[in-house]
Amino acid sequence: MVRKSVFAGLAACAAIAASAVVAAPSSFISRVQVTEGGHRIGNPDAKVAVVEFVSYTCPACANYTRNDSGALEMGYVGPGKVTLETRHIIRDPVDMTAALLTNCGAPGKFAQNHKAFMLSQPKWLPITQSVTAAQRNRWMSGTNASRRRAIASDLGFYPIMERRGYRRTDIDRCLADEVKATSLAEASEANGAKYFVSSTPSFAINGVKLAGTHSWSLLEPQIKARLP
């Protein structure tokens, strides 16, 4: 479920061991479409459209990505039965910084950028609980771009992106993208209001939010029920 805002005090994070997420063995996984609310992968003719609402500072979202997202991608998206769209819920400046970076570059890079941040979350999220007053001041003062650079530096986001093949100049350019930041914030607010997203991860199928569904064990039966 969603944790409180970083600046209101994050809940203690359970240590989750990082592991690789296996990609689905189908060309449908590589079919990426940028939507008004996020990124969609899968067969455009699929009859079932799943939307996941996630926050990068949500431990349950990282746990879902690590343990369960592969089952959805391999079992349903890859074979062309289901599309999967990822939409951001932006809770605070750390979320915004991470979202700007996962959206950095070509649309085809998003999925692996997203997984890189989710899988490394157990390393960087606890740092938010022990930042110094000086660090917090850097996060909260100056231009938006300088604030995001400070967050990215303090939480180790630069190495994550560099391992993904990005140069420092590329990273800083994306952190300074105010048009994208505004778009992400507006989409997050709109999704939260339209779908009543009060906890993450949350899911919708064919435009209808699934009540009380925050795990794969609850999501999969509802996908199966809608398949031809």
C-alpha atoms as a PDB file:
ATOM      1  CA  MET A   1       0.000   0.000   0.000  1.00  0.00           C
ATOM      2  CA  VAL A   2       0.998   3.617  -0.353  1.00  0.00           C
ATOM      3  CA  ARG A   3       3.340   4.994   2.277  1.00  0.00           C
ATOM      4  CA  LYS A   4       3.170   8.524   3.626  1.00  0.00           C
ATOM      5  CA  SER A   5       4.943  11.288   1.756  1.00  0.00           C
ATOM      6  CA  VAL A   6       8.707  11.349   2.148  1.00  0.00           C
ATOM      7  CA  PHE A   7       8.452  14.779   3.683  1.00  0.00           C
ATOM      8  CA  ALA A   8       5.830  13.634   6.185  1.00  0.00           C
ATOM      9  CA  GLY A   9       8.068  10.753   7.218  1.00  0.00           C
ATOM     10  CA  LEU A  10       8.404   7.490   5.296  1.00  0.00           C
ATOM     11  CA  ALA A  11       7.358   4.255   6.926  1.00  0.00           C
ATOM     12  CA  ALA A  12      10.124   1.778   7.629  1.00  0.00           C
ATOM     13  CA  CYS A  13      10.965  -0.215   4.518  1.00  0.00           C
ATOM     14  CA  ALA A  14      11.224  -3.960   4.542  1.00  0.00           C
ATOM     15  CA  ALA A  15      14.446  -5.162   2.976  1.00  0.00           C
ATOM     16  CA  ILE A  16      13.683  -6.798  -0.337  1.00  0.00           C
ATOM     17  CA  ALA A  17      16.437  -8.676  -2.136  1.00  0.00           C
ATOM     18  CA  ALA A  18      16.958  -7.470  -5.683  1.00  0.00           C
ATOM     19  CA  SER A  19      16.541 -10.002  -8.443  1.00  0.00           C
ATOM     20  CA  ALA A  20      16.279  -9.922 -12.210  1.00  0.00           C
ATOM     21  CA  VAL A  21      12.880  -9.621 -13.854  1.00  0.00           C
ATOM     22  CA  VAL A  22      12.509 -12.044 -16.733  1.00  0.00           C
ATOM     23  CA  ALA A  23      11.242 -10.514 -19.945  1.00  0.00           C
ATOM     24  CA  ALA A  24       8.337 -12.118 -21.753  1.00  0.00           C
ATOM     25  CA  PRO A  25       9.369 -14.175 -24.789  1.00  0.00           C
ATOM     26  CA  SER A  26       7.192 -12.377 -27.320  1.00  0.00           C
ATOM     27  CA  SER A  27       7.431  -9.495 -29.730  1.00  0.00           C
ATOM     28  CA  PHE A  28       4.268  -8.055 -28.159  1.00  0.00           C
ATOM     29  CA  ILE A  29       6.345  -7.020 -25.140  1.00  0.00           C
ATOM     30  CA  SER A  30       8.436  -4.754 -27.339  1.00  0.00           C
ATOM     31  CA  ARG A  31       5.393  -2.985 -28.776  1.00  0.00           C
ATOM     32  CA  VAL A  32       5.328   0.274 -26.850  1.00  0.00           C
ATOM     33  CA  GLN A  33       2.798   3.062 -27.137  1.00  0.00           C
ATOM     34  CA  VAL A  34       3.005   6.369 -25.289  1.00  0.00           C
ATOM     35  CA  THR A  35      -0.445   7.144 -23.929  1.00  0.00           C
ATOM     36  CA  GLU A  36      -1.938  10.240 -22.386  1.00  0.00           C
ATOM     37  CA  GLY A  37      -1.314   8.724 -18.968  1.00  0.00           C
ATOM     38  CA  GLY A  38       1.826   6.632 -19.368  1.00  0.00           C
ATOM     39  CA  HIS A  39       3.297   3.787 -21.425  1.00  0.00           C
ATOM     40  CA  ARG A  40       1.407   0.784 -22.797  1.00  0.00           C
ATOM     41  CA  ILE A  41       2.938  -2.482 -23.983  1.00  0.00           C
ATOM     42  CA  GLY A  42       1.319  -5.406 -25.756  1.00  0.00           C
ATOM     43  CA  ASN A  43      -0.966  -6.378 -28.592  1.00  0.00           C
ATOM     44  CA  PRO A  44      -3.042  -3.338 -29.621  1.00  0.00           C
ATOM     45  CA  ASP A  45      -5.885  -5.720 -30.534  1.00  0.00           C
ATOM     46  CA  ALA A  46      -5.993  -7.387 -27.115  1.00  0.00           C
ATOM     47  CA  LYS A  47      -9.460  -7.480 -25.568  1.00  0.00           C
ATOM     48  CA  VAL A  48      -8.216  -6.926 -22.024  1.00  0.00           C
ATOM     49  CA  ALA A  49      -6.398  -3.715 -21.076  1.00  0.00           C
ATOM     50  CA  VAL A  50      -4.742  -3.588 -17.668  1.00  0.00           C
ATOM     51  CA  VAL A  51      -3.544  -0.329 -16.136  1.00  0.00           C
ATOM     52  CA  GLU A  52      -1.217  -0.341 -13.139  1.00  0.00           C
ATOM     53  CA  PHE A  53      -0.965   2.758 -10.943  1.00  0.00           C
ATOM     54  CA  VAL A  54       2.399   2.835  -9.189  1.00  0.00           C
ATOM     55  CA  SER A  55       4.623   5.068  -7.098  1.00  0.00           C
ATOM     56  CA  TYR A  56       8.398   4.729  -7.030  1.00  0.00           C
ATOM     57  CA  THR A  57       8.492   5.373  -3.271  1.00  0.00           C
ATOM     58  CA  CYS A  58       5.998   2.576  -2.576  1.00  0.00           C
ATOM     59  CA  PRO A  59       7.682  -0.626  -1.267  1.00  0.00           C
ATOM     60  CA  ALA A  60       4.660  -2.728  -2.250  1.00  0.00           C
ATOM     61  CA  CYS A  61       5.037  -1.515  -5.838  1.00  0.00           C
ATOM     62  CA  ALA A  62       8.672  -2.595  -5.908  1.00  0.00           C
ATOM     63  CA  ASN A  63       7.708  -5.943  -4.419  1.00  0.00           C
ATOM     64  CA  TYR A  64       5.035  -6.402  -7.094  1.00  0.00           C
ATOM     65  CA  THR A  65       7.487  -5.529  -9.869  1.00  0.00           C
ATOM     66  CA  ARG A  66      10.075  -7.934  -8.507  1.00  0.00           C
ATOM     67  CA  ASN A  67       7.864 -10.905  -7.769  1.00  0.00           C
ATOM     68  CA  ASP A  68       4.745 -10.664  -9.919  1.00  0.00           C
ATOM     69  CA  SER A  69       5.061  -8.419 -12.965  1.00  0.00           C
ATOM     70  CA  GLY A  70       6.880 -11.136 -14.880  1.00  0.00           C
ATOM     71  CA  ALA A  71       3.877 -13.452 -14.568  1.00  0.00           C
ATOM     72  CA  LEU A  72       1.620 -10.829 -16.134  1.00  0.00           C
ATOM     73  CA  GLU A  73       4.061 -10.053 -18.923  1.00  0.00           C
ATOM     74  CA  MET A  74       4.981 -13.652 -19.753  1.00  0.00           C
ATOM     75  CA  GLY A  75       1.579 -15.223 -19.279  1.00  0.00           C
ATOM     76  CA  TYR A  76      -0.719 -12.575 -20.706  1.00  0.00           C
ATOM     77  CA  VAL A  77       1.011  -9.624 -22.389  1.00  0.00           C
ATOM     78  CA  GLY A  78       3.565 -11.647 -24.320  1.00  0.00           C
ATOM     79  CA  PRO A  79       1.012 -13.998 -25.921  1.00  0.00           C
ATOM     80  CA  GLY A  80      -1.069 -10.992 -27.004  1.00  0.00           C
ATOM     81  CA  LYS A  81      -3.992 -11.529 -24.650  1.00  0.00           C
ATOM     82  CA  VAL A  82      -3.575  -8.389 -22.549  1.00  0.00           C
ATOM     83  CA  THR A  83      -2.059  -4.920 -22.788  1.00  0.00           C
ATOM     84  CA  LEU A  84      -0.329  -3.404 -19.781  1.00  0.00           C
ATOM     85  CA  GLU A  85      -0.134   0.325 -19.188  1.00  0.00           C
ATOM     86  CA  THR A  86       1.971   1.860 -16.431  1.00  0.00           C
ATOM     87  CA  ARG A  87       0.792   5.154 -14.952  1.00  0.00           C
ATOM     88  CA  HIS A  88       2.588   7.184 -12.308  1.00  0.00           C
ATOM     89  CA  ILE A  89       1.171   8.323  -9.011  1.00  0.00           C
ATOM     90  CA  ILE A  90       3.404  11.215  -7.965  1.00  0.00           C
ATOM     91  CA  ARG A  91       3.429  11.662  -4.185  1.00  0.00           C
ATOM     92  CA  ASP A  92       6.439  13.900  -3.614  1.00  0.00           C
ATOM     93  CA  PRO A  93       9.623  15.277  -5.202  1.00  0.00           C
ATOM     94  CA  VAL A  94      11.406  11.919  -4.965  1.00  0.00           C
ATOM     95  CA  ASP A  95       8.621  10.300  -6.986  1.00  0.00           C
ATOM     96  CA  MET A  96       8.815  13.101  -9.526  1.00  0.00           C
ATOM     97  CA  THR A  97      12.580  12.810  -9.852  1.00  0.00           C
ATOM     98  CA  ALA A  98      12.390   9.059 -10.423  1.00  0.00           C
ATOM     99  CA  ALA A  99       9.501   9.402 -12.886  1.00  0.00           C
ATOM    100  CA  LEU A 100      11.352  11.997 -14.951  1.00  0.00           C
ATOM    101  CA  LEU A 101      14.293   9.625 -15.207  1.00  0.00           C
ATOM    102  CA  THR A 102      12.302   6.525 -16.103  1.00  0.00           C
ATOM    103  CA  ASN A 103      10.656   8.579 -18.855  1.00  0.00           C
ATOM    104  CA  CYS A 104      14.027   9.833 -20.092  1.00  0.00           C
ATOM    105  CA  GLY A 105      14.839   8.980 -23.690  1.00  0.00           C
ATOM    106  CA  ALA A 106      12.985   6.950 -26.288  1.00  0.00           C
ATOM    107  CA  PRO A 107       9.670   5.298 -25.290  1.00  0.00           C
ATOM    108  CA  GLY A 108      11.209   1.871 -25.817  1.00  0.00           C
ATOM    109  CA  LYS A 109      13.570   2.490 -22.892  1.00  0.00           C
ATOM    110  CA  PHE A 110      10.823   3.094 -20.351  1.00  0.00           C
ATOM    111  CA  ALA A 111      10.094  -0.490 -19.295  1.00  0.00           C
ATOM    112  CA  GLN A 112      13.667  -1.313 -18.351  1.00  0.00           C
ATOM    113  CA  ASN A 113      14.208   2.120 -16.777  1.00  0.00           C
ATOM    114  CA  HIS A 114      11.108   1.486 -14.682  1.00  0.00           C
ATOM    115  CA  LYS A 115      12.318  -1.920 -13.561  1.00  0.00           C
ATOM    116  CA  ALA A 116      15.779  -0.570 -12.770  1.00  0.00           C
ATOM    117  CA  PHE A 117      14.321   1.923 -10.292  1.00  0.00           C
ATOM    118  CA  MET A 118      11.863  -0.521  -8.771  1.00  0.00           C
ATOM    119  CA  LEU A 119      14.426  -3.296  -8.345  1.00  0.00           C
ATOM    120  CA  SER A 120      16.966  -0.950  -6.767  1.00  0.00           C
ATOM    121  CA  GLN A 121      14.401   0.708  -4.491  1.00  0.00           C
ATOM    122  CA  PRO A 122      15.509  -1.197  -1.343  1.00  0.00           C
ATOM    123  CA  LYS A 123      18.917   0.466  -1.702  1.00  0.00           C
ATOM    124  CA  TRP A 124      17.854   4.055  -2.241  1.00  0.00           C
ATOM    125  CA  LEU A 125      14.511   4.427  -0.454  1.00  0.00           C
ATOM    126  CA  PRO A 126      15.910   3.991   3.091  1.00  0.00           C
ATOM    127  CA  ILE A 127      18.283   6.892   2.443  1.00  0.00           C
ATOM    128  CA  THR A 128      15.273   9.226   2.360  1.00  0.00           C
ATOM    129  CA  GLN A 129      14.707   8.485   6.047  1.00  0.00           C
ATOM    130  CA  SER A 130      18.155   9.610   7.152  1.00  0.00           C
ATOM    131  CA  VAL A 131      18.865  12.711   5.082  1.00  0.00           C
ATOM    132  CA  THR A 132      20.554  15.569   6.881  1.00  0.00           C
ATOM    133  CA  ALA A 133      19.085  19.016   7.308  1.00  0.00           C
ATOM    134  CA  ALA A 134      21.535  20.315   4.711  1.00  0.00           C
ATOM    135  CA  GLN A 135      20.459  17.660   2.212  1.00  0.00           C
ATOM    136  CA  ARG A 136      16.805  18.358   2.837  1.00  0.00           C
ATOM    137  CA  ASN A 137      17.443  22.051   2.283  1.00  0.00           C
ATOM    138  CA  ARG A 138      19.023  21.259  -1.105  1.00  0.00           C
ATOM    139  CA  TRP A 139      15.955  19.187  -1.975  1.00  0.00           C
ATOM    140  CA  MET A 140      13.620  22.053  -1.097  1.00  0.00           C
ATOM    141  CA  SER A 141      15.397  25.192  -2.332  1.00  0.00           C
ATOM    142  CA  GLY A 142      16.697  26.549  -5.610  1.00  0.00           C
ATOM    143  CA  THR A 143      15.293  25.808  -9.040  1.00  0.00           C
ATOM    144  CA  ASN A 144      13.249  22.687  -9.664  1.00  0.00           C
ATOM    145  CA  ALA A 145      16.091  21.290 -11.752  1.00  0.00           C
ATOM    146  CA  SER A 146      18.680  21.863  -9.007  1.00  0.00           C
ATOM    147  CA  ARG A 147      16.381  20.240  -6.444  1.00  0.00           C
ATOM    148  CA  ARG A 148      15.980  17.162  -8.607  1.00  0.00           C
ATOM    149  CA  ARG A 149      19.708  16.969  -9.255  1.00  0.00           C
ATOM    150  CA  ALA A 150      20.286  17.049  -5.500  1.00  0.00           C
ATOM    151  CA  ILE A 151      17.774  14.255  -4.938  1.00  0.00           C
ATOM    152  CA  ALA A 152      19.246  12.201  -7.773  1.00  0.00           C
ATOM    153  CA  SER A 153      22.755  12.681  -6.404  1.00  0.00           C
ATOM    154  CA  ASP A 154      21.905  11.890  -2.786  1.00  0.00           C
ATOM    155  CA  LEU A 155      19.851   8.791  -3.616  1.00  0.00           C
ATOM    156  CA  GLY A 156      22.202   7.303  -6.201  1.00  0.00           C
ATOM    157  CA  PHE A 157      19.976   7.825  -9.230  1.00  0.00           C
ATOM    158  CA  TYR A 158      22.849   8.890 -11.473  1.00  0.00           C
ATOM    159  CA  PRO A 159      24.582   5.474 -11.330  1.00  0.00           C
ATOM    160  CA  ILE A 160      21.266   3.725 -12.036  1.00  0.00           C
ATOM    161  CA  MET A 161      20.835   5.741 -15.210  1.00  0.00           C
ATOM    162  CA  GLU A 162      24.489   5.456 -16.203  1.00  0.00           C
ATOM    163  CA  ARG A 163      24.218   1.674 -16.028  1.00  0.00           C
ATOM    164  CA  ARG A 164      21.307   2.029 -18.423  1.00  0.00           C
ATOM    165  CA  GLY A 165      23.585   3.779 -20.904  1.00  0.00           C
ATOM    166  CA  TYR A 166      22.740   7.427 -20.170  1.00  0.00           C
ATOM    167  CA  ARG A 167      25.313  10.209 -20.024  1.00  0.00           C
ATOM    168  CA  ARG A 168      25.312  12.749 -17.215  1.00  0.00           C
ATOM    169  CA  THR A 169      24.215  15.450 -19.646  1.00  0.00           C
ATOM    170  CA  ASP A 170      21.258  13.297 -20.739  1.00  0.00           C
ATOM    171  CA  ILE A 171      20.225  12.748 -17.137  1.00  0.00           C
ATOM    172  CA  ASP A 172      20.430  16.429 -16.222  1.00  0.00           C
ATOM    173  CA  ARG A 173      18.461  17.399 -19.319  1.00  0.00           C
ATOM    174  CA  CYS A 174      15.627  15.079 -18.318  1.00  0.00           C
ATOM    175  CA  LEU A 175      15.686  16.332 -14.728  1.00  0.00           C
ATOM    176  CA  ALA A 176      15.265  19.879 -16.057  1.00  0.00           C
ATOM    177  CA  ASP A 177      12.314  19.024 -18.321  1.00  0.00           C
ATOM    178  CA  GLU A 178       9.564  21.197 -16.840  1.00  0.00           C
ATOM    179  CA  VAL A 179       7.103  20.369 -19.616  1.00  0.00           C
ATOM    180  CA  LYS A 180       7.381  16.679 -18.790  1.00  0.00           C
ATOM    181  CA  ALA A 181       7.230  17.350 -15.057  1.00  0.00           C
ATOM    182  CA  THR A 182       4.008  19.301 -15.478  1.00  0.00           C
ATOM    183  CA  SER A 183       2.562  16.565 -17.684  1.00  0.00           C
ATOM    184  CA  LEU A 184       3.429  13.864 -15.132  1.00  0.00           C
ATOM    185  CA  ALA A 185       1.965  15.867 -12.251  1.00  0.00           C
ATOM    186  CA  GLU A 186      -1.255  16.618 -14.117  1.00  0.00           C
ATOM    187  CA  ALA A 187      -1.664  13.007 -15.248  1.00  0.00           C
ATOM    188  CA  SER A 188      -1.084  11.760 -11.704  1.00  0.00           C
ATOM    189  CA  GLU A 189      -3.688  14.138 -10.309  1.00  0.00           C
ATOM    190  CA  ALA A 190      -6.177  13.241 -13.035  1.00  0.00           C
ATOM    191  CA  ASN A 191      -5.710   9.505 -12.546  1.00  0.00           C
ATOM    192  CA  GLY A 192      -6.016   9.798  -8.798  1.00  0.00           C
ATOM    193  CA  ALA A 193      -9.271  11.718  -9.138  1.00  0.00           C
ATOM    194  CA  LYS A 194     -10.797   9.648 -11.946  1.00  0.00           C
ATOM    195  CA  TYR A 195      -9.925   6.235 -10.554  1.00  0.00           C
ATOM    196  CA  PHE A 196      -9.950   7.094  -6.834  1.00  0.00           C
ATOM    197  CA  VAL A 197      -6.422   5.803  -6.391  1.00  0.00           C
ATOM    198  CA  SER A 198      -5.705   6.000  -2.668  1.00  0.00           C
ATOM    199  CA  SER A 199      -3.129   3.210  -2.449  1.00  0.00           C
ATOM    200  CA  THR A 200      -0.551   1.656  -4.705  1.00  0.00           C
ATOM    201  CA  PRO A 201      -0.168  -0.523  -6.555  1.00  0.00           C
ATOM    202  CA  SER A 202      -3.728  -0.278  -7.831  1.00  0.00           C
ATOM    203  CA  PHE A 203      -5.154  -1.674 -11.039  1.00  0.00           C
ATOM    204  CA  ALA A 204      -7.878  -1.050 -13.602  1.00  0.00           C
ATOM    205  CA  ILE A 205      -9.176  -3.355 -16.318  1.00  0.00           C
ATOM    206  CA  ASN A 206     -10.840  -1.945 -19.423  1.00  0.00           C
ATOM    207  CA  GLY A 207     -11.217   1.441 -17.767  1.00  0.00           C
ATOM    208  CA  VAL A 208     -12.701   0.219 -14.487  1.00  0.00           C
ATOM    209  CA  LYS A 209     -10.657   0.366 -11.278  1.00  0.00           C
ATOM    210  CA  LEU A 210     -10.572  -2.899  -9.372  1.00  0.00           C
ATOM    211  CA  ALA A 211     -11.668  -2.358  -5.795  1.00  0.00           C
ATOM    212  CA  GLY A 212      -9.405  -3.790  -3.126  1.00  0.00           C
ATOM    213  CA  THR A 213      -6.950  -5.187  -5.664  1.00  0.00           C
ATOM    214  CA  HIS A 214      -3.322  -4.494  -4.837  1.00  0.00           C
ATOM    215  CA  SER A 215      -1.615  -7.822  -5.564  1.00  0.00           C
ATOM    216  CA  TRP A 216      -1.151 -10.335  -8.364  1.00  0.00           C
ATOM    217  CA  SER A 217      -3.068 -13.012  -6.474  1.00  0.00           C
ATOM    218  CA  LEU A 218      -6.143 -10.784  -6.595  1.00  0.00           C
ATOM    219  CA  LEU A 219      -5.496  -9.331 -10.050  1.00  0.00           C
ATOM    220  CA  GLU A 220      -4.948 -12.520 -12.050  1.00  0.00           C
ATOM    221  CA  PRO A 221      -8.394 -14.083 -11.446  1.00  0.00           C
ATOM    222  CA  GLN A 222     -10.026 -10.867 -12.637  1.00  0.00           C
ATOM    223  CA  ILE A 223      -7.934 -10.893 -15.809  1.00  0.00           C
ATOM    224  CA  LYS A 224      -8.862 -14.513 -16.478  1.00  0.00           C
ATOM    225  CA  ALA A 225     -12.548 -13.740 -15.971  1.00  0.00           C
ATOM    226  CA  ARG A 226     -12.440 -11.177 -18.779  1.00  0.00           C
ATOM    227  CA  LEU A 227     -10.564 -13.226 -21.349  1.00  0.00           C
ATOM    228  CA  PRO A 228     -12.547 -14.779 -24.228  1.00  0.00           C
END
